[in-house]
Amino acid sequence: MPVLAMIGSLVGALVDLGGPGHYVHWGFIQISWGNLIVIGLMAIVFILAIALPFPHRGGDDQ
């Protein structure tokens, strides 16, 4: 069995997908915790991509 499949099985065993979903309510906005976490991680990656310096080669100043 490939290593990635085993890791996926172990991670999948930690999350119970058989129960009801968990949601966050803000007035008329309703979003699941999973989607909120993914959106938060995407925002963090976006901010880091802007904040971190872009790699460039040294010596060539054009």
N, C-alpha and C. Protein backbone atom coordinates (compact mmCIF):
# COMPACT_ATOMS: atom_id res chain seq x y z
N MET A 1 0.85 -1.18 0.00
CA MET A 1 0.00 0.00 0.00
C MET A 1 0.90 1.24 0.00
N PRO A 2 0.66 2.17 -0.91
CA PRO A 2 1.50 3.38 -0.94
C PRO A 2 1.39 4.18 0.36
N VAL A 3 2.45 4.89 0.64
CA VAL A 3 2.54 5.65 1.89
C VAL A 3 1.46 6.73 1.95
N LEU A 4 1.21 7.42 0.83
CA LEU A 4 0.20 8.48 0.84
C LEU A 4 -1.19 7.93 1.13
N ALA A 5 -1.49 6.76 0.63
CA ALA A 5 -2.80 6.15 0.90
C ALA A 5 -2.93 5.81 2.37
N MET A 6 -1.86 5.33 2.98
CA MET A 6 -1.91 5.01 4.41
C MET A 6 -2.08 6.28 5.24
N ILE A 7 -1.37 7.34 4.88
CA ILE A 7 -1.51 8.60 5.61
C ILE A 7 -2.92 9.14 5.44
N GLY A 8 -3.48 9.04 4.22
CA GLY A 8 -4.84 9.49 4.00
C GLY A 8 -5.85 8.70 4.81
N SER A 9 -5.63 7.40 4.94
CA SER A 9 -6.53 6.58 5.74
C SER A 9 -6.47 6.95 7.22
N LEU A 10 -5.26 7.23 7.71
CA LEU A 10 -5.11 7.60 9.11
C LEU A 10 -5.75 8.95 9.41
N VAL A 11 -5.55 9.92 8.52
CA VAL A 11 -6.14 11.24 8.72
C VAL A 11 -7.66 11.15 8.59
N GLY A 12 -8.15 10.36 7.64
CA GLY A 12 -9.58 10.20 7.46
C GLY A 12 -10.24 9.53 8.66
N ALA A 13 -9.51 8.70 9.37
CA ALA A 13 -10.06 8.04 10.54
C ALA A 13 -10.24 9.01 11.71
N LEU A 14 -9.51 10.13 11.69
CA LEU A 14 -9.60 11.09 12.78
C LEU A 14 -10.82 11.98 12.67
N VAL A 15 -11.38 12.12 11.47
CA VAL A 15 -12.49 13.04 11.23
C VAL A 15 -13.77 12.23 11.06
N ASP A 16 -14.78 12.53 11.87
CA ASP A 16 -16.06 11.84 11.77
C ASP A 16 -16.95 12.58 10.76
N LEU A 17 -17.14 11.95 9.60
CA LEU A 17 -17.97 12.56 8.57
C LEU A 17 -19.39 12.02 8.58
N GLY A 18 -19.71 11.15 9.54
CA GLY A 18 -21.03 10.56 9.60
C GLY A 18 -22.05 11.38 10.37
N GLY A 19 -21.58 12.35 11.13
CA GLY A 19 -22.48 13.14 11.96
C GLY A 19 -22.96 14.39 11.25
N PRO A 20 -23.75 15.19 11.94
CA PRO A 20 -24.22 16.45 11.35
C PRO A 20 -23.07 17.46 11.23
N GLY A 21 -23.20 18.37 10.28
CA GLY A 21 -22.17 19.38 10.08
C GLY A 21 -22.20 20.44 11.17
N HIS A 22 -21.07 21.10 11.34
CA HIS A 22 -20.96 22.18 12.32
C HIS A 22 -20.83 23.49 11.56
N TYR A 23 -21.67 24.44 11.89
CA TYR A 23 -21.74 25.69 11.14
C TYR A 23 -21.54 26.89 12.04
N VAL A 24 -21.05 27.98 11.45
CA VAL A 24 -20.91 29.27 12.11
C VAL A 24 -22.00 30.17 11.55
N HIS A 25 -22.71 30.86 12.42
CA HIS A 25 -23.79 31.75 12.00
C HIS A 25 -23.42 33.19 12.34
N TRP A 26 -23.43 34.08 11.33
CA TRP A 26 -23.25 35.52 11.52
C TRP A 26 -24.40 36.20 10.81
N GLY A 27 -25.49 36.40 11.50
CA GLY A 27 -26.66 37.02 10.88
C GLY A 27 -27.20 36.14 9.76
N PHE A 28 -27.13 36.63 8.54
CA PHE A 28 -27.62 35.85 7.40
C PHE A 28 -26.52 34.99 6.78
N ILE A 29 -25.28 35.09 7.28
CA ILE A 29 -24.17 34.30 6.75
C ILE A 29 -24.08 33.00 7.53
N GLN A 30 -24.03 31.90 6.82
CA GLN A 30 -23.87 30.58 7.42
C GLN A 30 -22.80 29.84 6.64
N ILE A 31 -21.72 29.42 7.34
CA ILE A 31 -20.61 28.74 6.69
C ILE A 31 -20.14 27.61 7.59
N SER A 32 -19.72 26.52 6.98
CA SER A 32 -19.24 25.39 7.78
C SER A 32 -17.84 25.69 8.31
N TRP A 33 -17.49 25.05 9.41
CA TRP A 33 -16.18 25.26 10.02
C TRP A 33 -15.07 24.86 9.06
N GLY A 34 -15.26 23.77 8.33
CA GLY A 34 -14.24 23.33 7.39
C GLY A 34 -13.96 24.37 6.32
N ASN A 35 -15.02 24.93 5.74
CA ASN A 35 -14.83 25.96 4.72
C ASN A 35 -14.21 27.22 5.31
N LEU A 36 -14.59 27.58 6.53
CA LEU A 36 -14.03 28.75 7.18
C LEU A 36 -12.53 28.58 7.42
N ILE A 37 -12.12 27.39 7.82
CA ILE A 37 -10.69 27.11 8.03
C ILE A 37 -9.93 27.19 6.72
N VAL A 38 -10.48 26.62 5.65
CA VAL A 38 -9.81 26.68 4.35
C VAL A 38 -9.68 28.12 3.87
N ILE A 39 -10.73 28.92 4.02
CA ILE A 39 -10.67 30.33 3.60
C ILE A 39 -9.63 31.08 4.43
N GLY A 40 -9.56 30.80 5.72
CA GLY A 40 -8.56 31.44 6.58
C GLY A 40 -7.15 31.07 6.17
N LEU A 41 -6.90 29.80 5.86
CA LEU A 41 -5.57 29.38 5.42
C LEU A 41 -5.21 30.01 4.09
N MET A 42 -6.17 30.13 3.17
CA MET A 42 -5.91 30.77 1.89
C MET A 42 -5.56 32.24 2.09
N ALA A 43 -6.22 32.92 3.02
CA ALA A 43 -5.92 34.32 3.30
C ALA A 43 -4.52 34.46 3.88
N ILE A 44 -4.12 33.55 4.76
CA ILE A 44 -2.78 33.58 5.34
C ILE A 44 -1.72 33.38 4.26
N VAL A 45 -1.93 32.42 3.37
CA VAL A 45 -0.98 32.18 2.28
C VAL A 45 -0.90 33.40 1.37
N PHE A 46 -2.02 34.03 1.08
CA PHE A 46 -2.04 35.22 0.23
C PHE A 46 -1.26 36.36 0.87
N ILE A 47 -1.47 36.59 2.16
CA ILE A 47 -0.76 37.66 2.87
C ILE A 47 0.74 37.37 2.92
N LEU A 48 1.11 36.12 3.16
CA LEU A 48 2.53 35.77 3.16
C LEU A 48 3.15 35.95 1.78
N ALA A 49 2.40 35.63 0.72
CA ALA A 49 2.93 35.81 -0.63
C ALA A 49 3.18 37.27 -0.94
N ILE A 50 2.40 38.16 -0.38
CA ILE A 50 2.61 39.59 -0.60
C ILE A 50 3.73 40.11 0.31
N ALA A 51 3.76 39.66 1.55
CA ALA A 51 4.68 40.22 2.54
C ALA A 51 6.11 39.73 2.38
N LEU A 52 6.31 38.47 1.98
CA LEU A 52 7.66 37.93 1.88
C LEU A 52 8.35 38.47 0.63
N PRO A 53 9.66 38.71 0.72
CA PRO A 53 10.36 39.25 -0.45
C PRO A 53 10.42 38.22 -1.58
N PHE A 54 10.34 38.72 -2.79
CA PHE A 54 10.39 37.87 -3.97
C PHE A 54 11.85 37.49 -4.23
N PRO A 55 12.16 36.21 -4.41
CA PRO A 55 13.56 35.82 -4.64
C PRO A 55 14.06 36.34 -5.99
N HIS A 56 15.29 36.80 -6.01
CA HIS A 56 15.88 37.27 -7.26
C HIS A 56 17.35 36.90 -7.27
N ARG A 57 17.91 36.90 -8.47
CA ARG A 57 19.33 36.58 -8.61
C ARG A 57 20.16 37.79 -8.21
N GLY A 58 21.25 37.51 -7.54
CA GLY A 58 22.14 38.60 -7.14
C GLY A 58 23.14 38.91 -8.26
N GLY A 59 23.60 40.16 -8.31
CA GLY A 59 24.62 40.54 -9.27
C GLY A 59 24.09 41.19 -10.52
N ASP A 60 22.92 40.87 -10.96
CA ASP A 60 22.33 41.45 -12.16
C ASP A 60 21.37 42.55 -11.77
N ASP A 61 21.79 43.79 -11.85
CA ASP A 61 20.88 44.92 -11.56
C ASP A 61 20.44 45.52 -12.87
N GLN A 62 19.30 45.13 -13.33
CA GLN A 62 18.80 45.62 -14.62
C GLN A 62 17.55 46.42 -14.42
